Amino acid sequence: MLTDAADLLWTLDGEEAEGAFTVQDADAAAGAAVVAAVDRAVLLGFVPQAPNGRAMLVLGGGGYTMLMAGREGVQVARWLAGLGYHAFVLIHRFPNAAHGVSASLDDAMAAMRAIRASGLAEGGLGVVGLSSGGHLAACLAAEYPSEWDGAPADAATRPDVLVVGYAPISTNAKGRTIVPDKPPLPPEEKQAMYDRLQPDAHLLPAPPPAFVVYAANDAVVPVENAYRLHRALLGAGGRAELHVFADAPHGFALDTVGMPVTAWPDLCAAWLRQVGFL
């Protein structure tokens, strides 16, 4: 069971975690779990054997209509915990009629505040996001829409380092698509979120050091997203390391074997050491 795999289980609203979300297959191993629906946001915490004083928030993908909580959540958190981080997988709400356009970002910001308040990230708090989770991660380094009702971004919600993999940074936004005549993405709240949240266009000054990894032949998320984010990070005064593998599937995560892309976690760990976060 997904929640049983975690060492810590926190809800962001103070209520019980039971019933907060629905897993697609209740019998699936935690490392393969897919979350089909979320009513209330939950953090799954993984405690390292040798803590390094820092923490990481893990944001998995799923196109904002489901969450690859296992492959892009639990597996990533276990890798990070092995490096010494307290790692937290966020099970966040989706942008839909029930939760509104801002739900995912509001949950991610609330998760950042909760982790910092816990005292487990005294040495810093980073974010690792893959696919749609990478878009959400990048949004934490960008402006929060002034017209939305959520609490505005502040120092607590800003990552100290940023790791983004194969994320649709802005090519789903109206007027910025790569695919010709790309239709709006359902539900309408999801498309409205992508239209409004374009982190490459709205980065805050002096963004955190960033590690960006994509596949050049990604058939789902065009690699142009990597170049847009990289240019934006450098243009805002940040430091960014960009890796584009020539051949890898979308969603390569940590368990795509037999291909050069499997080197990215080691490259990322080396980069984390280089920037002083490991």
Protein backbone atom coordinates (compact mmCIF):
# COMPACT_ATOMS: atom_id res chain seq x y z
CA MET A 1 0.00 0.00 0.00
CA LEU A 2 1.28 3.43 -0.94
CA THR A 3 0.93 5.08 2.47
CA ASP A 4 2.47 2.07 4.24
CA ALA A 5 5.70 2.58 2.30
CA ALA A 6 6.31 6.00 3.84
CA ASP A 7 8.03 6.72 7.14
CA LEU A 8 6.00 9.92 7.65
CA LEU A 9 2.44 10.72 6.61
CA TRP A 10 1.28 14.33 6.77
CA THR A 11 -1.88 16.01 5.54
CA LEU A 12 -1.74 19.68 4.69
CA ASP A 13 -5.15 20.47 6.15
CA GLY A 14 -4.67 18.77 9.51
CA GLU A 15 -7.34 16.14 8.81
CA GLU A 16 -6.90 12.37 8.76
CA ALA A 17 -5.11 10.96 5.71
CA GLU A 18 -7.64 8.15 5.25
CA GLY A 19 -9.78 8.81 2.19
CA ALA A 20 -7.68 11.77 1.04
CA PHE A 21 -6.85 10.14 -2.28
CA THR A 22 -7.65 7.10 -4.40
CA VAL A 23 -5.07 4.69 -5.81
CA GLN A 24 -5.83 3.16 -9.21
CA ASP A 25 -4.77 -0.35 -8.12
CA ALA A 26 -4.80 -0.93 -4.38
CA ASP A 27 -2.65 -4.05 -4.79
CA ALA A 28 0.13 -2.34 -6.73
CA ALA A 29 3.54 -2.06 -5.12
CA ALA A 30 4.29 1.39 -3.73
CA GLY A 31 6.97 1.95 -6.36
CA ALA A 32 4.41 1.40 -9.13
CA ALA A 33 1.38 3.11 -7.60
CA VAL A 34 -0.79 5.47 -9.65
CA VAL A 35 -3.11 7.92 -7.89
CA ALA A 36 -6.38 8.36 -9.78
CA ALA A 37 -8.08 11.06 -7.69
CA VAL A 38 -7.16 13.42 -4.85
CA ASP A 39 -9.57 15.10 -2.47
CA ARG A 40 -7.01 16.47 0.02
CA ALA A 41 -3.25 16.90 -0.33
CA VAL A 42 -0.93 14.48 1.47
CA LEU A 43 2.84 14.33 1.99
CA LEU A 44 4.58 10.94 2.12
CA GLY A 45 7.91 11.31 3.92
CA PHE A 46 10.99 9.09 3.55
CA VAL A 47 13.65 9.33 6.26
CA PRO A 48 17.34 8.84 5.37
CA GLN A 49 19.63 6.62 7.42
CA ALA A 50 22.31 9.31 7.37
CA PRO A 51 20.56 12.71 7.23
CA ASN A 52 22.47 15.53 5.55
CA GLY A 53 20.30 18.26 7.10
CA ARG A 54 18.46 19.00 3.86
CA ALA A 55 15.14 17.96 2.35
CA MET A 56 13.61 17.48 -1.09
CA LEU A 57 10.02 17.81 -2.24
CA VAL A 58 9.22 15.28 -4.99
CA LEU A 59 6.57 16.13 -7.58
CA GLY A 60 5.57 13.29 -9.87
CA GLY A 61 3.87 13.54 -13.25
CA GLY A 62 0.59 12.33 -14.64
CA GLY A 63 -0.64 15.21 -16.75
CA TYR A 64 -2.50 16.83 -13.83
CA THR A 65 -5.24 14.21 -14.17
CA MET A 66 -3.47 11.40 -12.30
CA LEU A 67 -0.20 11.00 -10.40
CA MET A 68 2.60 8.55 -11.11
CA ALA A 69 3.13 8.42 -7.37
CA GLY A 70 5.26 5.29 -7.57
CA ARG A 71 7.66 5.60 -10.52
CA GLU A 72 8.03 9.39 -10.31
CA GLY A 73 7.37 9.73 -6.59
CA VAL A 74 8.28 6.88 -4.26
CA GLN A 75 11.17 5.62 -6.41
CA VAL A 76 12.62 9.13 -6.64
CA ALA A 77 12.16 9.74 -2.90
CA ARG A 78 13.96 6.50 -2.04
CA TRP A 79 16.87 7.51 -4.28
CA LEU A 80 17.04 10.92 -2.59
CA ALA A 81 16.80 9.42 0.89
CA GLY A 82 19.74 7.21 -0.06
CA LEU A 83 21.69 10.42 -0.70
CA GLY A 84 20.84 11.70 2.78
CA TYR A 85 17.80 13.90 2.15
CA HIS A 86 14.49 13.80 3.93
CA ALA A 87 12.33 13.25 0.83
CA PHE A 88 8.63 14.07 0.62
CA VAL A 89 6.30 12.93 -2.15
CA LEU A 90 3.37 15.29 -2.64
CA ILE A 91 0.00 13.81 -3.52
CA HIS A 92 -1.62 17.01 -4.76
CA ARG A 93 -5.05 17.93 -6.04
CA PHE A 94 -5.67 18.35 -9.76
CA PRO A 95 -6.96 21.41 -11.62
CA ASN A 96 -10.58 20.54 -12.32
CA ALA A 97 -14.11 21.70 -11.60
CA ALA A 98 -13.97 20.38 -8.04
CA HIS A 99 -10.72 22.08 -7.01
CA GLY A 100 -10.21 25.00 -9.38
CA VAL A 101 -7.32 26.20 -11.51
CA SER A 102 -4.81 26.91 -8.73
CA ALA A 103 -5.15 23.70 -6.65
CA SER A 104 -1.91 21.98 -7.64
CA LEU A 105 0.28 25.03 -7.13
CA ASP A 106 -1.45 25.92 -3.88
CA ASP A 107 -0.75 22.41 -2.58
CA ALA A 108 2.89 22.53 -3.66
CA MET A 109 3.40 25.86 -1.91
CA ALA A 110 1.69 24.57 1.23
CA ALA A 111 3.96 21.51 1.12
CA MET A 112 7.05 23.72 0.94
CA ARG A 113 5.90 25.68 3.98
CA ALA A 114 5.10 22.51 5.93
CA ILE A 115 8.48 20.92 5.25
CA ARG A 116 10.37 24.08 6.22
CA ALA A 117 8.29 24.41 9.40
CA SER A 118 9.10 20.81 10.37
CA GLY A 119 12.76 21.62 11.01
CA LEU A 120 13.88 18.81 8.70
CA ALA A 121 15.22 21.19 6.05
CA GLU A 122 17.46 23.48 8.10
CA GLY A 123 20.22 23.08 5.51
CA GLY A 124 17.92 23.84 2.61
CA LEU A 125 14.88 22.55 0.70
CA GLY A 126 15.02 21.54 -2.94
CA VAL A 127 12.40 20.33 -5.41
CA VAL A 128 12.58 17.45 -7.88
CA GLY A 129 9.79 17.38 -10.46
CA LEU A 130 9.21 15.07 -13.42
CA SER A 131 6.80 15.56 -16.34
CA SER A 132 3.83 17.65 -15.16
CA GLY A 133 5.52 17.61 -11.75
CA GLY A 134 8.47 19.35 -13.38
CA HIS A 135 6.16 22.08 -14.61
CA LEU A 136 4.81 22.43 -11.08
CA ALA A 137 8.34 22.50 -9.66
CA ALA A 138 9.37 25.29 -12.03
CA CYS A 139 6.27 27.25 -11.04
CA LEU A 140 7.66 27.40 -7.49
CA ALA A 141 10.47 29.57 -8.86
CA ALA A 142 8.04 31.83 -10.74
CA GLU A 143 5.47 34.49 -9.94
CA TYR A 144 2.21 33.44 -8.31
CA PRO A 145 -0.73 34.92 -10.27
CA SER A 146 -1.90 38.05 -8.48
CA GLU A 147 -5.53 37.41 -9.39
CA TRP A 148 -5.65 33.99 -7.71
CA ASP A 149 -6.95 33.58 -4.17
CA GLY A 150 -4.06 31.54 -2.76
CA ALA A 151 -1.31 32.82 -0.50
CA PRO A 152 1.38 34.57 -2.55
CA ALA A 153 4.85 33.10 -2.98
CA ASP A 154 7.46 33.94 -0.34
CA ALA A 155 10.89 32.78 0.79
CA ALA A 156 9.41 29.63 2.33
CA THR A 157 7.90 28.45 -0.95
CA ARG A 158 10.97 29.16 -3.07
CA PRO A 159 13.22 26.12 -3.75
CA ASP A 160 16.90 26.28 -2.85
CA VAL A 161 17.71 23.96 -5.78
CA LEU A 162 15.54 22.81 -8.65
CA VAL A 163 15.61 19.53 -10.62
CA VAL A 164 13.28 19.36 -13.63
CA GLY A 165 12.82 16.40 -15.96
CA TYR A 166 10.86 16.16 -19.24
CA ALA A 167 8.32 18.79 -18.17
CA PRO A 168 5.79 20.71 -20.33
CA ILE A 169 7.07 24.12 -19.26
CA SER A 170 5.02 26.23 -21.66
CA THR A 171 4.26 24.32 -24.87
CA ASN A 172 0.76 23.52 -23.61
CA ALA A 173 -0.04 27.23 -23.25
CA LYS A 174 -2.27 28.96 -25.76
CA GLY A 175 -0.16 30.75 -28.35
CA ARG A 176 3.04 28.90 -27.39
CA THR A 177 2.36 25.37 -28.59
CA ILE A 178 4.80 23.43 -30.77
CA VAL A 179 2.27 20.97 -32.19
CA PRO A 180 0.27 22.78 -34.92
CA ASP A 181 -3.43 23.31 -34.13
CA LYS A 182 -3.08 21.58 -30.77
CA PRO A 183 -6.54 21.45 -29.17
CA PRO A 184 -7.15 22.61 -25.57
CA LEU A 185 -6.40 20.02 -22.92
CA PRO A 186 -9.37 18.79 -20.87
CA PRO A 187 -10.63 19.64 -18.36
CA GLU A 188 -10.88 23.37 -18.99
CA GLU A 189 -9.32 24.18 -15.59
CA LYS A 190 -6.17 22.29 -16.62
CA GLN A 191 -5.83 24.26 -19.84
CA ALA A 192 -6.48 27.50 -17.97
CA MET A 193 -3.70 26.59 -15.54
CA TYR A 194 -1.22 25.92 -18.37
CA ASP A 195 -2.22 29.19 -20.05
CA ARG A 196 -1.58 31.14 -16.85
CA LEU A 197 1.39 29.25 -15.42
CA GLN A 198 4.26 29.61 -17.89
CA PRO A 199 7.29 29.54 -15.59
CA ASP A 200 9.81 30.35 -18.31
CA ALA A 201 7.96 33.60 -18.97
CA HIS A 202 7.40 34.50 -15.30
CA LEU A 203 10.54 33.44 -13.43
CA LEU A 204 11.39 35.48 -10.38
CA PRO A 205 14.83 37.15 -10.39
CA ALA A 206 17.87 35.14 -9.25
CA PRO A 207 16.30 31.68 -9.59
CA PRO A 208 17.79 28.73 -7.69
CA PRO A 209 20.51 26.55 -9.24
CA ALA A 210 18.78 24.13 -11.60
CA PHE A 211 19.43 20.73 -13.17
CA VAL A 212 17.36 20.14 -16.29
CA VAL A 213 17.11 16.76 -18.07
CA TYR A 214 15.11 15.85 -21.20
CA ALA A 215 15.05 13.53 -24.21
CA ALA A 216 15.55 15.08 -27.64
CA ASN A 217 13.07 12.69 -29.25
CA ASP A 218 10.35 12.91 -26.59
CA ALA A 219 7.11 12.39 -28.50
CA VAL A 220 4.93 13.66 -25.65
CA VAL A 221 6.76 16.74 -24.35
CA PRO A 222 8.79 18.60 -27.01
CA VAL A 223 12.42 19.21 -26.05
CA GLU A 224 11.84 22.90 -26.81
CA ASN A 225 10.54 23.06 -23.23
CA ALA A 226 14.06 22.30 -21.98
CA TYR A 227 15.57 25.08 -24.07
CA ARG A 228 12.91 27.58 -23.01
CA LEU A 229 13.48 26.85 -19.33
CA HIS A 230 17.26 26.89 -19.68
CA ARG A 231 17.24 30.25 -21.48
CA ALA A 232 14.87 31.70 -18.90
CA LEU A 233 16.98 30.54 -15.96
CA LEU A 234 20.13 32.03 -17.41
CA GLY A 235 18.33 35.21 -18.43
CA ALA A 236 17.05 35.69 -14.87
CA GLY A 237 20.55 35.42 -13.45
CA GLY A 238 20.49 31.76 -12.48
CA ARG A 239 22.86 28.83 -12.93
CA ALA A 240 21.48 25.91 -14.90
CA GLU A 241 22.89 22.58 -16.06
CA LEU A 242 21.12 21.14 -19.10
CA HIS A 243 21.28 17.49 -20.24
CA VAL A 244 19.47 16.41 -23.40
CA PHE A 245 19.72 12.71 -24.19
CA ALA A 246 19.32 11.90 -27.88
CA ASP A 247 17.13 8.84 -27.43
CA ALA A 248 14.88 8.14 -24.45
CA PRO A 249 11.16 7.62 -23.89
CA HIS A 250 8.94 10.16 -22.23
CA GLY A 251 8.69 9.31 -18.56
CA PHE A 252 12.15 7.72 -18.35
CA ALA A 253 12.25 8.34 -14.57
CA LEU A 254 14.73 6.07 -12.75
CA ASP A 255 13.79 2.65 -14.12
CA THR A 256 14.44 2.90 -17.87
CA VAL A 257 17.24 0.35 -18.27
CA GLY A 258 19.76 -0.26 -21.02
CA MET A 259 19.92 3.32 -22.30
CA PRO A 260 22.36 6.21 -21.71
CA VAL A 261 19.57 8.17 -19.96
CA THR A 262 20.00 5.89 -16.94
CA ALA A 263 23.08 7.98 -16.10
CA TRP A 264 21.04 11.06 -15.21
CA PRO A 265 20.59 10.35 -11.46
CA ASP A 266 24.37 10.02 -11.04
CA LEU A 267 24.91 13.20 -13.05
CA CYS A 268 22.34 14.95 -10.89
CA ALA A 269 23.97 13.75 -7.65
CA ALA A 270 27.35 15.02 -8.90
CA TRP A 271 25.75 18.37 -9.73
CA LEU A 272 24.13 18.57 -6.27
CA ARG A 273 27.59 18.12 -4.76
CA GLN A 274 29.03 20.74 -7.08
CA VAL A 275 26.48 23.37 -6.06
CA GLY A 276 26.97 22.55 -2.38
CA PHE A 277 23.63 20.90 -1.73
CA LEU A 278 24.95 17.40 -1.03
